[in-house]
């Protein structure tokens, strides 16, 4: 019942605040205009990230049973991510590009904050001896920051079609919730792993009601970065904290489509001599669209791929825990 309530509260908060935010966005012209790379038909409000943020934290502060300082750290770090994303989005509404350096600095600072709050990839269990292999602090820091920054980025880069980044994040959040239940992460300091996942599910569902094709609102960089950031933290406090070899694969498989697609994109841009952060149409959704798939077909196809990888991870986990 606690999980259901947590999801319903975040869903309703996201759902109810969206129309109000959309009106303000239209009034302020905080909208994404069509261009060569963005082929939606009319200016669309970029306020979805704010609704996701509000929906998530309204429920998080009510239902997540964590230390106050840890709660506040997650809130402050997430606020930093959302604010720098909103600035980036504001530049886009004016047809300008926000410099990459401030975004990198803020994202890295936010990642360091949550690392200091003990969201850490600390090590893994030796599958042959059952002994916990604890990594040294430098490696812990490097892997943790890389994971947070990497997941934040790949979800952002996947936000190219109506319902796509939200759908990928929804499947990942459901997978993390299922894994937390299977791994019995429902007590003590790990309680928030299951709760945070289901809260995120609710917030995303509220957003997707307005973002499904044809979208009436976009999440913008603020929303995509926020979703990636929270998913990365949830994995660190959930499957990665369990530290078994099998549990380590859960977040990677749950996020397999955006991770491996964007690794391909990075390699392609690098091999062509383009800046890695220069936006283009080389992601899988654009490649499928070029082959003649409709937007709905592309999103459904990618969702099916993501669901398959996530289902495999849960099946493997269930087999391992028996």
C-alpha atoms as a PDB file:
ATOM      1  CA  UNK A   1       0.000   0.000   0.000  1.00  0.00           C
ATOM      2  CA  UNK A   2       2.886   2.366   0.783  1.00  0.00           C
ATOM      3  CA  UNK A   3       4.309   1.804  -2.701  1.00  0.00           C
ATOM      4  CA  UNK A   4       0.915   2.407  -4.341  1.00  0.00           C
ATOM      5  CA  UNK A   5       0.388   5.626  -2.374  1.00  0.00           C
ATOM      6  CA  UNK A   6       3.885   6.854  -3.211  1.00  0.00           C
ATOM      7  CA  UNK A   7       3.288   6.251  -6.927  1.00  0.00           C
ATOM      8  CA  UNK A   8      -0.200   7.803  -6.918  1.00  0.00           C
ATOM      9  CA  UNK A   9       0.998  10.967  -5.130  1.00  0.00           C
ATOM     10  CA  UNK A  10       3.849  11.543  -7.610  1.00  0.00           C
ATOM     11  CA  UNK A  11       1.578  10.739 -10.559  1.00  0.00           C
ATOM     12  CA  UNK A  12      -1.108  13.186  -9.442  1.00  0.00           C
ATOM     13  CA  UNK A  13       1.407  15.921  -8.599  1.00  0.00           C
ATOM     14  CA  UNK A  14       2.982  15.600 -12.056  1.00  0.00           C
ATOM     15  CA  UNK A  15      -0.376  15.300 -13.817  1.00  0.00           C
ATOM     16  CA  UNK A  16      -2.074  18.213 -12.060  1.00  0.00           C
ATOM     17  CA  UNK A  17       0.784  20.732 -12.233  1.00  0.00           C
ATOM     18  CA  UNK A  18       1.418  20.184 -15.952  1.00  0.00           C
ATOM     19  CA  UNK A  19      -1.477  22.242 -17.438  1.00  0.00           C
ATOM     20  CA  UNK A  20      -0.584  25.190 -15.186  1.00  0.00           C
ATOM     21  CA  UNK A  21       3.086  24.992 -16.213  1.00  0.00           C
ATOM     22  CA  UNK A  22       2.147  24.695 -19.888  1.00  0.00           C
ATOM     23  CA  UNK A  23       0.136  27.923 -19.708  1.00  0.00           C
ATOM     24  CA  UNK A  24       3.058  29.765 -18.088  1.00  0.00           C
ATOM     25  CA  UNK A  25       5.462  28.355 -20.705  1.00  0.00           C
ATOM     26  CA  UNK A  26       3.262  29.549 -23.558  1.00  0.00           C
ATOM     27  CA  UNK A  27       2.942  32.974 -21.963  1.00  0.00           C
ATOM     28  CA  UNK A  28       6.726  33.278 -21.487  1.00  0.00           C
ATOM     29  CA  UNK A  29       7.391  31.693 -24.900  1.00  0.00           C
ATOM     30  CA  UNK A  30       9.387  29.012 -23.128  1.00  0.00           C
ATOM     31  CA  UNK A  31       8.769  26.693 -26.065  1.00  0.00           C
ATOM     32  CA  UNK A  32      10.748  24.471 -28.405  1.00  0.00           C
ATOM     33  CA  UNK A  33      10.437  25.767 -31.957  1.00  0.00           C
ATOM     34  CA  UNK A  34      10.613  23.469 -35.015  1.00  0.00           C
ATOM     35  CA  UNK A  35      13.853  23.509 -37.041  1.00  0.00           C
ATOM     36  CA  UNK A  36      15.817  21.243 -39.401  1.00  0.00           C
ATOM     37  CA  UNK A  37      16.706  18.746 -36.654  1.00  0.00           C
ATOM     38  CA  UNK A  38      13.431  19.094 -34.705  1.00  0.00           C
ATOM     39  CA  UNK A  39      10.482  18.304 -36.892  1.00  0.00           C
ATOM     40  CA  UNK A  40       7.495  18.813 -34.589  1.00  0.00           C
ATOM     41  CA  UNK A  41       4.821  20.995 -36.188  1.00  0.00           C
ATOM     42  CA  UNK A  42       4.409  23.881 -33.728  1.00  0.00           C
ATOM     43  CA  UNK A  43       6.143  25.506 -30.725  1.00  0.00           C
ATOM     44  CA  UNK A  44       5.811  23.139 -27.760  1.00  0.00           C
ATOM     45  CA  UNK A  45       6.154  24.006 -24.043  1.00  0.00           C
ATOM     46  CA  UNK A  46       9.471  22.896 -22.489  1.00  0.00           C
ATOM     47  CA  UNK A  47       8.156  22.637 -18.925  1.00  0.00           C
ATOM     48  CA  UNK A  48       7.856  18.850 -18.585  1.00  0.00           C
ATOM     49  CA  UNK A  49      11.051  18.649 -16.545  1.00  0.00           C
ATOM     50  CA  UNK A  50       9.613  20.982 -13.907  1.00  0.00           C
ATOM     51  CA  UNK A  51       6.494  18.800 -13.535  1.00  0.00           C
ATOM     52  CA  UNK A  52       8.652  15.661 -13.228  1.00  0.00           C
ATOM     53  CA  UNK A  53      10.774  17.401 -10.581  1.00  0.00           C
ATOM     54  CA  UNK A  54       7.737  18.592  -8.588  1.00  0.00           C
ATOM     55  CA  UNK A  55       5.917  15.262  -8.862  1.00  0.00           C
ATOM     56  CA  UNK A  56       8.959  13.319  -7.749  1.00  0.00           C
ATOM     57  CA  UNK A  57       9.957  15.420  -4.746  1.00  0.00           C
ATOM     58  CA  UNK A  58       6.451  15.946  -3.381  1.00  0.00           C
ATOM     59  CA  UNK A  59       6.208  12.176  -2.971  1.00  0.00           C
ATOM     60  CA  UNK A  60       9.890  11.665  -2.090  1.00  0.00           C
ATOM     61  CA  UNK A  61       9.763  13.868   0.993  1.00  0.00           C
ATOM     62  CA  UNK A  62       6.611  12.106   2.172  1.00  0.00           C
ATOM     63  CA  UNK A  63       7.466   8.453   1.565  1.00  0.00           C
ATOM     64  CA  UNK A  64      11.254   7.981   1.348  1.00  0.00           C
ATOM     65  CA  UNK A  65      12.538   6.745   4.712  1.00  0.00           C
ATOM     66  CA  UNK A  66      16.072   8.119   4.628  1.00  0.00           C
ATOM     67  CA  UNK A  67      18.212  10.406   6.741  1.00  0.00           C
ATOM     68  CA  UNK A  68      17.329  14.072   6.408  1.00  0.00           C
ATOM     69  CA  UNK A  69      20.818  15.072   5.250  1.00  0.00           C
ATOM     70  CA  UNK A  70      20.756  12.405   2.540  1.00  0.00           C
ATOM     71  CA  UNK A  71      17.299  13.576   1.427  1.00  0.00           C
ATOM     72  CA  UNK A  72      18.443  17.181   1.300  1.00  0.00           C
ATOM     73  CA  UNK A  73      21.593  16.258  -0.633  1.00  0.00           C
ATOM     74  CA  UNK A  74      19.577  14.447  -3.295  1.00  0.00           C
ATOM     75  CA  UNK A  75      17.199  17.423  -3.443  1.00  0.00           C
ATOM     76  CA  UNK A  76      19.961  20.030  -3.743  1.00  0.00           C
ATOM     77  CA  UNK A  77      21.930  18.033  -6.328  1.00  0.00           C
ATOM     78  CA  UNK A  78      18.777  17.367  -8.388  1.00  0.00           C
ATOM     79  CA  UNK A  79      17.823  21.038  -8.185  1.00  0.00           C
ATOM     80  CA  UNK A  80      21.231  21.949  -9.589  1.00  0.00           C
ATOM     81  CA  UNK A  81      20.681  19.514 -12.473  1.00  0.00           C
ATOM     82  CA  UNK A  82      17.201  20.869 -13.218  1.00  0.00           C
ATOM     83  CA  UNK A  83      18.230  24.537 -13.017  1.00  0.00           C
ATOM     84  CA  UNK A  84      21.195  24.195 -15.380  1.00  0.00           C
ATOM     85  CA  UNK A  85      18.911  22.230 -17.694  1.00  0.00           C
ATOM     86  CA  UNK A  86      16.327  25.014 -17.603  1.00  0.00           C
ATOM     87  CA  UNK A  87      18.993  27.572 -18.504  1.00  0.00           C
ATOM     88  CA  UNK A  88      20.032  25.348 -21.408  1.00  0.00           C
ATOM     89  CA  UNK A  89      16.384  25.050 -22.478  1.00  0.00           C
ATOM     90  CA  UNK A  90      15.922  28.837 -22.251  1.00  0.00           C
ATOM     91  CA  UNK A  91      18.836  29.346 -24.631  1.00  0.00           C
ATOM     92  CA  UNK A  92      17.228  26.879 -27.057  1.00  0.00           C
ATOM     93  CA  UNK A  93      13.969  28.845 -27.013  1.00  0.00           C
ATOM     94  CA  UNK A  94      15.993  31.800 -28.315  1.00  0.00           C
ATOM     95  CA  UNK A  95      17.674  29.724 -31.039  1.00  0.00           C
ATOM     96  CA  UNK A  96      21.011  29.795 -29.202  1.00  0.00           C
ATOM     97  CA  UNK A  97      23.335  27.117 -27.792  1.00  0.00           C
ATOM     98  CA  UNK A  98      24.275  27.211 -24.114  1.00  0.00           C
ATOM     99  CA  UNK A  99      28.027  26.614 -23.572  1.00  0.00           C
ATOM    100  CA  UNK A 100      28.923  23.035 -22.654  1.00  0.00           C
ATOM    101  CA  UNK A 101      31.420  23.909 -19.896  1.00  0.00           C
ATOM    102  CA  UNK A 102      28.929  25.249 -17.276  1.00  0.00           C
ATOM    103  CA  UNK A 103      26.718  22.176 -17.819  1.00  0.00           C
ATOM    104  CA  UNK A 104      29.663  19.828 -17.291  1.00  0.00           C
ATOM    105  CA  UNK A 105      30.747  21.639 -14.126  1.00  0.00           C
ATOM    106  CA  UNK A 106      27.269  21.601 -12.550  1.00  0.00           C
ATOM    107  CA  UNK A 107      26.652  17.941 -13.447  1.00  0.00           C
ATOM    108  CA  UNK A 108      30.014  16.913 -11.999  1.00  0.00           C
ATOM    109  CA  UNK A 109      29.425  18.956  -8.823  1.00  0.00           C
ATOM    110  CA  UNK A 110      25.990  17.344  -8.403  1.00  0.00           C
ATOM    111  CA  UNK A 111      27.538  13.891  -8.859  1.00  0.00           C
ATOM    112  CA  UNK A 112      30.218  14.672  -6.264  1.00  0.00           C
ATOM    113  CA  UNK A 113      27.529  15.813  -3.815  1.00  0.00           C
ATOM    114  CA  UNK A 114      25.665  12.511  -3.978  1.00  0.00           C
ATOM    115  CA  UNK A 115      28.960  10.608  -3.769  1.00  0.00           C
ATOM    116  CA  UNK A 116      29.678  12.452  -0.524  1.00  0.00           C
ATOM    117  CA  UNK A 117      26.187  11.429   0.667  1.00  0.00           C
ATOM    118  CA  UNK A 118      27.302   7.785   0.375  1.00  0.00           C
ATOM    119  CA  UNK A 119      25.730   6.875  -2.960  1.00  0.00           C
ATOM    120  CA  UNK A 120      28.781   4.886  -3.969  1.00  0.00           C
ATOM    121  CA  UNK A 121      29.804   1.965  -6.148  1.00  0.00           C
ATOM    122  CA  UNK A 122      31.925   0.418  -3.413  1.00  0.00           C
ATOM    123  CA  UNK A 123      32.778  -3.004  -4.828  1.00  0.00           C
ATOM    124  CA  UNK A 124      31.394  -6.422  -5.665  1.00  0.00           C
ATOM    125  CA  UNK A 125      31.205  -9.946  -4.299  1.00  0.00           C
ATOM    126  CA  UNK A 126      33.628 -12.570  -5.606  1.00  0.00           C
ATOM    127  CA  UNK A 127      31.284 -15.180  -7.213  1.00  0.00           C
ATOM    128  CA  UNK A 128      33.655 -18.041  -6.312  1.00  0.00           C
ATOM    129  CA  UNK A 129      34.456 -17.228  -2.684  1.00  0.00           C
ATOM    130  CA  UNK A 130      31.525 -15.011  -1.654  1.00  0.00           C
ATOM    131  CA  UNK A 131      34.042 -12.465  -0.353  1.00  0.00           C
ATOM    132  CA  UNK A 132      33.270  -8.757  -0.779  1.00  0.00           C
ATOM    133  CA  UNK A 133      35.954  -7.098  -2.863  1.00  0.00           C
ATOM    134  CA  UNK A 134      36.001  -3.463  -1.768  1.00  0.00           C
ATOM    135  CA  UNK A 135      37.579  -1.050  -4.229  1.00  0.00           C
ATOM    136  CA  UNK A 136      39.897   1.703  -3.073  1.00  0.00           C
ATOM    137  CA  UNK A 137      38.420   5.176  -2.675  1.00  0.00           C
ATOM    138  CA  UNK A 138      39.907   6.592  -5.866  1.00  0.00           C
ATOM    139  CA  UNK A 139      38.379   3.844  -8.012  1.00  0.00           C
ATOM    140  CA  UNK A 140      35.072   4.130  -6.104  1.00  0.00           C
ATOM    141  CA  UNK A 141      35.008   7.853  -6.834  1.00  0.00           C
ATOM    142  CA  UNK A 142      35.909   7.442 -10.508  1.00  0.00           C
ATOM    143  CA  UNK A 143      33.348   4.706 -11.207  1.00  0.00           C
ATOM    144  CA  UNK A 144      30.568   6.451  -9.267  1.00  0.00           C
ATOM    145  CA  UNK A 145      31.037   9.834 -10.968  1.00  0.00           C
ATOM    146  CA  UNK A 146      31.370   8.194 -14.389  1.00  0.00           C
ATOM    147  CA  UNK A 147      28.146   6.208 -13.841  1.00  0.00           C
ATOM    148  CA  UNK A 148      26.116   9.220 -12.662  1.00  0.00           C
ATOM    149  CA  UNK A 149      27.417  11.498 -15.397  1.00  0.00           C
ATOM    150  CA  UNK A 150      27.083   8.792 -18.058  1.00  0.00           C
ATOM    151  CA  UNK A 151      23.475   7.805 -17.293  1.00  0.00           C
ATOM    152  CA  UNK A 152      22.442  11.459 -17.011  1.00  0.00           C
ATOM    153  CA  UNK A 153      23.911  12.091 -20.454  1.00  0.00           C
ATOM    154  CA  UNK A 154      22.523   9.036 -22.283  1.00  0.00           C
ATOM    155  CA  UNK A 155      18.957   9.690 -21.132  1.00  0.00           C
ATOM    156  CA  UNK A 156      19.323  13.297 -22.275  1.00  0.00           C
ATOM    157  CA  UNK A 157      20.624  12.228 -25.684  1.00  0.00           C
ATOM    158  CA  UNK A 158      17.737   9.754 -26.044  1.00  0.00           C
ATOM    159  CA  UNK A 159      15.156  12.526 -25.806  1.00  0.00           C
ATOM    160  CA  UNK A 160      14.498  12.877 -29.523  1.00  0.00           C
ATOM    161  CA  UNK A 161      10.930  11.689 -30.083  1.00  0.00           C
ATOM    162  CA  UNK A 162       7.583  11.970 -28.342  1.00  0.00           C
ATOM    163  CA  UNK A 163       7.462   9.596 -25.394  1.00  0.00           C
ATOM    164  CA  UNK A 164      10.893   8.054 -26.001  1.00  0.00           C
ATOM    165  CA  UNK A 165      13.107   9.252 -23.116  1.00  0.00           C
ATOM    166  CA  UNK A 166      10.128   9.058 -20.759  1.00  0.00           C
ATOM    167  CA  UNK A 167       9.312   5.531 -21.910  1.00  0.00           C
ATOM    168  CA  UNK A 168      12.914   4.323 -21.564  1.00  0.00           C
ATOM    169  CA  UNK A 169      13.120   5.867 -18.081  1.00  0.00           C
ATOM    170  CA  UNK A 170       9.780   4.306 -17.116  1.00  0.00           C
ATOM    171  CA  UNK A 171      10.934   0.800 -18.057  1.00  0.00           C
ATOM    172  CA  UNK A 172      14.213   1.314 -16.177  1.00  0.00           C
ATOM    173  CA  UNK A 173      12.425   2.591 -13.049  1.00  0.00           C
ATOM    174  CA  UNK A 174      10.030  -0.392 -13.076  1.00  0.00           C
ATOM    175  CA  UNK A 175      13.006  -2.727 -13.476  1.00  0.00           C
ATOM    176  CA  UNK A 176      14.823  -1.119 -10.527  1.00  0.00           C
ATOM    177  CA  UNK A 177      11.677  -1.440  -8.422  1.00  0.00           C
ATOM    178  CA  UNK A 178      11.281  -5.126  -9.280  1.00  0.00           C
ATOM    179  CA  UNK A 179      14.964  -5.770  -8.562  1.00  0.00           C
ATOM    180  CA  UNK A 180      14.718  -4.051  -5.175  1.00  0.00           C
ATOM    181  CA  UNK A 181      11.782  -6.284  -4.212  1.00  0.00           C
ATOM    182  CA  UNK A 182      13.546  -9.449  -5.401  1.00  0.00           C
ATOM    183  CA  UNK A 183      16.747  -8.485  -3.574  1.00  0.00           C
ATOM    184  CA  UNK A 184      14.664  -7.713  -0.461  1.00  0.00           C
ATOM    185  CA  UNK A 185      15.883  -4.114  -0.345  1.00  0.00           C
ATOM    186  CA  UNK A 186      12.847  -2.993   1.637  1.00  0.00           C
ATOM    187  CA  UNK A 187      14.340  -2.300   5.041  1.00  0.00           C
ATOM    188  CA  UNK A 188      16.986  -0.204   6.768  1.00  0.00           C
ATOM    189  CA  UNK A 189      18.993   2.287   4.706  1.00  0.00           C
ATOM    190  CA  UNK A 190      18.118   0.647   1.389  1.00  0.00           C
ATOM    191  CA  UNK A 191      14.390   1.242   1.757  1.00  0.00           C
ATOM    192  CA  UNK A 192      14.515   4.239  -0.551  1.00  0.00           C
ATOM    193  CA  UNK A 193      15.669   2.128  -3.532  1.00  0.00           C
ATOM    194  CA  UNK A 194      12.251   0.520  -4.013  1.00  0.00           C
ATOM    195  CA  UNK A 195      10.319   3.624  -2.974  1.00  0.00           C
ATOM    196  CA  UNK A 196      12.315   6.037  -5.150  1.00  0.00           C
ATOM    197  CA  UNK A 197      11.856   3.752  -8.156  1.00  0.00           C
ATOM    198  CA  UNK A 198       8.079   3.599  -7.764  1.00  0.00           C
ATOM    199  CA  UNK A 199       7.870   7.345  -7.089  1.00  0.00           C
ATOM    200  CA  UNK A 200       9.731   7.913 -10.352  1.00  0.00           C
ATOM    201  CA  UNK A 201       7.313   5.573 -12.141  1.00  0.00           C
ATOM    202  CA  UNK A 202       4.382   7.730 -11.000  1.00  0.00           C
ATOM    203  CA  UNK A 203       5.997  11.029 -11.981  1.00  0.00           C
ATOM    204  CA  UNK A 204       6.894   9.689 -15.438  1.00  0.00           C
ATOM    205  CA  UNK A 205       3.392   8.310 -16.032  1.00  0.00           C
ATOM    206  CA  UNK A 206       1.931  11.733 -15.248  1.00  0.00           C
ATOM    207  CA  UNK A 207       4.343  13.331 -17.709  1.00  0.00           C
ATOM    208  CA  UNK A 208       3.775  10.744 -20.464  1.00  0.00           C
ATOM    209  CA  UNK A 209       0.043  11.508 -20.457  1.00  0.00           C
ATOM    210  CA  UNK A 210       0.983  14.842 -22.051  1.00  0.00           C
ATOM    211  CA  UNK A 211       4.110  13.686 -23.913  1.00  0.00           C
ATOM    212  CA  UNK A 212       2.730  10.723 -25.876  1.00  0.00           C
ATOM    213  CA  UNK A 213       2.514  11.285 -29.638  1.00  0.00           C
ATOM    214  CA  UNK A 214       1.591  13.935 -30.654  1.00  0.00           C
ATOM    215  CA  UNK A 215       3.261  15.568 -27.654  1.00  0.00           C
ATOM    216  CA  UNK A 216       1.676  18.586 -25.998  1.00  0.00           C
ATOM    217  CA  UNK A 217       4.776  19.171 -23.852  1.00  0.00           C
ATOM    218  CA  UNK A 218       8.487  18.294 -23.903  1.00  0.00           C
ATOM    219  CA  UNK A 219      10.662  17.478 -20.886  1.00  0.00           C
ATOM    220  CA  UNK A 220      13.584  19.513 -22.203  1.00  0.00           C
ATOM    221  CA  UNK A 221      17.162  19.091 -21.017  1.00  0.00           C
ATOM    222  CA  UNK A 222      15.974  19.828 -17.481  1.00  0.00           C
ATOM    223  CA  UNK A 223      13.674  16.791 -17.446  1.00  0.00           C
ATOM    224  CA  UNK A 224      15.930  14.387 -19.356  1.00  0.00           C
ATOM    225  CA  UNK A 225      18.948  15.199 -17.178  1.00  0.00           C
ATOM    226  CA  UNK A 226      16.803  14.933 -14.047  1.00  0.00           C
ATOM    227  CA  UNK A 227      15.495  11.473 -15.003  1.00  0.00           C
ATOM    228  CA  UNK A 228      18.982  10.209 -15.837  1.00  0.00           C
ATOM    229  CA  UNK A 229      20.382  11.633 -12.610  1.00  0.00           C
ATOM    230  CA  UNK A 230      17.730  10.012 -10.385  1.00  0.00           C
ATOM    231  CA  UNK A 231      17.977   6.678 -12.231  1.00  0.00           C
ATOM    232  CA  UNK A 232      21.752   6.635 -11.746  1.00  0.00           C
ATOM    233  CA  UNK A 233      21.406   7.286  -7.994  1.00  0.00           C
ATOM    234  CA  UNK A 234      18.678   4.645  -7.662  1.00  0.00           C
ATOM    235  CA  UNK A 235      20.945   2.057  -9.271  1.00  0.00           C
ATOM    236  CA  UNK A 236      23.818   2.965  -6.926  1.00  0.00           C
ATOM    237  CA  UNK A 237      21.599   2.574  -3.876  1.00  0.00           C
ATOM    238  CA  UNK A 238      19.841  -0.524  -5.216  1.00  0.00           C
ATOM    239  CA  UNK A 239      21.301  -3.152  -7.522  1.00  0.00           C
ATOM    240  CA  UNK A 240      24.888  -1.881  -7.272  1.00  0.00           C
ATOM    241  CA  UNK A 241      24.715  -1.813  -3.485  1.00  0.00           C
ATOM    242  CA  UNK A 242      23.771  -5.512  -3.464  1.00  0.00           C
ATOM    243  CA  UNK A 243      27.153  -6.004  -5.148  1.00  0.00           C
ATOM    244  CA  UNK A 244      26.573  -9.544  -6.436  1.00  0.00           C
ATOM    245  CA  UNK A 245      27.869 -10.154  -9.943  1.00  0.00           C
ATOM    246  CA  UNK A 246      24.331 -10.759 -11.222  1.00  0.00           C
ATOM    247  CA  UNK A 247      22.891  -7.618  -9.645  1.00  0.00           C
ATOM    248  CA  UNK A 248      25.576  -5.515 -11.330  1.00  0.00           C
ATOM    249  CA  UNK A 249      24.069  -6.372 -14.718  1.00  0.00           C
ATOM    250  CA  UNK A 250      20.568  -5.142 -13.802  1.00  0.00           C
ATOM    251  CA  UNK A 251      21.127  -1.383 -14.276  1.00  0.00           C
ATOM    252  CA  UNK A 252      23.261  -1.976 -17.365  1.00  0.00           C
ATOM    253  CA  UNK A 253      20.611  -4.186 -19.006  1.00  0.00           C
ATOM    254  CA  UNK A 254      17.764  -1.911 -17.885  1.00  0.00           C
ATOM    255  CA  UNK A 255      19.518   1.015 -19.578  1.00  0.00           C
ATOM    256  CA  UNK A 256      21.098  -1.047 -22.367  1.00  0.00           C
ATOM    257  CA  UNK A 257      19.363   0.685 -25.282  1.00  0.00           C
ATOM    258  CA  UNK A 258      20.335   4.284 -24.429  1.00  0.00           C
ATOM    259  CA  UNK A 259      23.792   3.265 -23.145  1.00  0.00           C
ATOM    260  CA  UNK A 260      24.905   1.245 -26.163  1.00  0.00           C
ATOM    261  CA  UNK A 261      23.154   3.432 -28.732  1.00  0.00           C
ATOM    262  CA  UNK A 262      24.900   6.523 -27.424  1.00  0.00           C
ATOM    263  CA  UNK A 263      28.258   4.762 -27.209  1.00  0.00           C
ATOM    264  CA  UNK A 264      27.758   4.102 -30.926  1.00  0.00           C
ATOM    265  CA  UNK A 265      26.906   7.781 -31.459  1.00  0.00           C
ATOM    266  CA  UNK A 266      30.035   8.920 -29.606  1.00  0.00           C
ATOM    267  CA  UNK A 267      32.232   6.562 -31.646  1.00  0.00           C
ATOM    268  CA  UNK A 268      30.590   7.715 -34.896  1.00  0.00           C
ATOM    269  CA  UNK A 269      31.031  11.406 -34.133  1.00  0.00           C
ATOM    270  CA  UNK A 270      34.600  10.846 -32.980  1.00  0.00           C
ATOM    271  CA  UNK A 271      35.491   8.844 -36.116  1.00  0.00           C
ATOM    272  CA  UNK A 272      33.994  11.593 -38.313  1.00  0.00           C
ATOM    273  CA  UNK A 273      35.971  14.271 -36.499  1.00  0.00           C
ATOM    274  CA  UNK A 274      32.862  15.940 -35.059  1.00  0.00           C
ATOM    275  CA  UNK A 275      32.626  17.307 -31.488  1.00  0.00           C
ATOM    276  CA  UNK A 276      31.108  14.605 -29.276  1.00  0.00           C
ATOM    277  CA  UNK A 277      28.478  17.008 -27.918  1.00  0.00           C
ATOM    278  CA  UNK A 278      27.457  18.356 -31.320  1.00  0.00           C
ATOM    279  CA  UNK A 279      23.818  17.378 -31.771  1.00  0.00           C
ATOM    280  CA  UNK A 280      22.939  15.477 -34.938  1.00  0.00           C
ATOM    281  CA  UNK A 281      20.509  12.771 -36.090  1.00  0.00           C
ATOM    282  CA  UNK A 282      22.671   9.679 -35.548  1.00  0.00           C
ATOM    283  CA  UNK A 283      20.759   8.109 -32.606  1.00  0.00           C
ATOM    284  CA  UNK A 284      18.799   4.921 -33.205  1.00  0.00           C
ATOM    285  CA  UNK A 285      15.431   6.706 -33.291  1.00  0.00           C
ATOM    286  CA  UNK A 286      16.592   8.975 -36.098  1.00  0.00           C
ATOM    287  CA  UNK A 287      18.148   6.059 -37.990  1.00  0.00           C
ATOM    288  CA  UNK A 288      14.882   4.116 -37.806  1.00  0.00           C
ATOM    289  CA  UNK A 289      12.917   7.170 -38.868  1.00  0.00           C
ATOM    290  CA  UNK A 290      15.197   7.526 -41.894  1.00  0.00           C
ATOM    291  CA  UNK A 291      14.294   3.961 -42.865  1.00  0.00           C
ATOM    292  CA  UNK A 292      10.630   4.939 -43.074  1.00  0.00           C
ATOM    293  CA  UNK A 293       9.304   4.081 -39.610  1.00  0.00           C
ATOM    294  CA  UNK A 294       6.678   6.421 -38.161  1.00  0.00           C
ATOM    295  CA  UNK A 295       7.253   8.091 -34.790  1.00  0.00           C
ATOM    296  CA  UNK A 296       4.901   5.681 -33.037  1.00  0.00           C
ATOM    297  CA  UNK A 297       6.545   2.666 -34.699  1.00  0.00           C
ATOM    298  CA  UNK A 298      10.033   3.879 -33.743  1.00  0.00           C
ATOM    299  CA  UNK A 299       9.099   4.472 -30.103  1.00  0.00           C
ATOM    300  CA  UNK A 300       7.257   1.140 -29.824  1.00  0.00           C
ATOM    301  CA  UNK A 301      10.180  -0.727 -31.395  1.00  0.00           C
ATOM    302  CA  UNK A 302      12.739   0.828 -29.050  1.00  0.00           C
ATOM    303  CA  UNK A 303      10.438   0.283 -26.046  1.00  0.00           C
ATOM    304  CA  UNK A 304      10.162  -3.398 -26.983  1.00  0.00           C
ATOM    305  CA  UNK A 305      13.956  -3.669 -27.161  1.00  0.00           C
ATOM    306  CA  UNK A 306      14.329  -1.979 -23.772  1.00  0.00           C
ATOM    307  CA  UNK A 307      11.609  -4.116 -22.201  1.00  0.00           C
ATOM    308  CA  UNK A 308      13.299  -7.288 -23.519  1.00  0.00           C
ATOM    309  CA  UNK A 309      16.659  -6.383 -21.979  1.00  0.00           C
ATOM    310  CA  UNK A 310      14.985  -5.447 -18.689  1.00  0.00           C
ATOM    311  CA  UNK A 311      12.963  -8.682 -18.622  1.00  0.00           C
ATOM    312  CA  UNK A 312      16.137 -10.697 -19.215  1.00  0.00           C
ATOM    313  CA  UNK A 313      17.819  -8.965 -16.264  1.00  0.00           C
ATOM    314  CA  UNK A 314      14.889  -9.753 -13.940  1.00  0.00           C
ATOM    315  CA  UNK A 315      14.657 -13.369 -15.125  1.00  0.00           C
ATOM    316  CA  UNK A 316      18.389 -13.870 -14.544  1.00  0.00           C
ATOM    317  CA  UNK A 317      18.042 -12.324 -11.088  1.00  0.00           C
ATOM    318  CA  UNK A 318      15.106 -14.574 -10.209  1.00  0.00           C
ATOM    319  CA  UNK A 319      17.012 -17.663 -11.348  1.00  0.00           C
ATOM    320  CA  UNK A 320      20.087 -16.620  -9.364  1.00  0.00           C
ATOM    321  CA  UNK A 321      18.175 -15.973  -6.127  1.00  0.00           C
ATOM    322  CA  UNK A 322      16.466 -19.364  -6.129  1.00  0.00           C
END
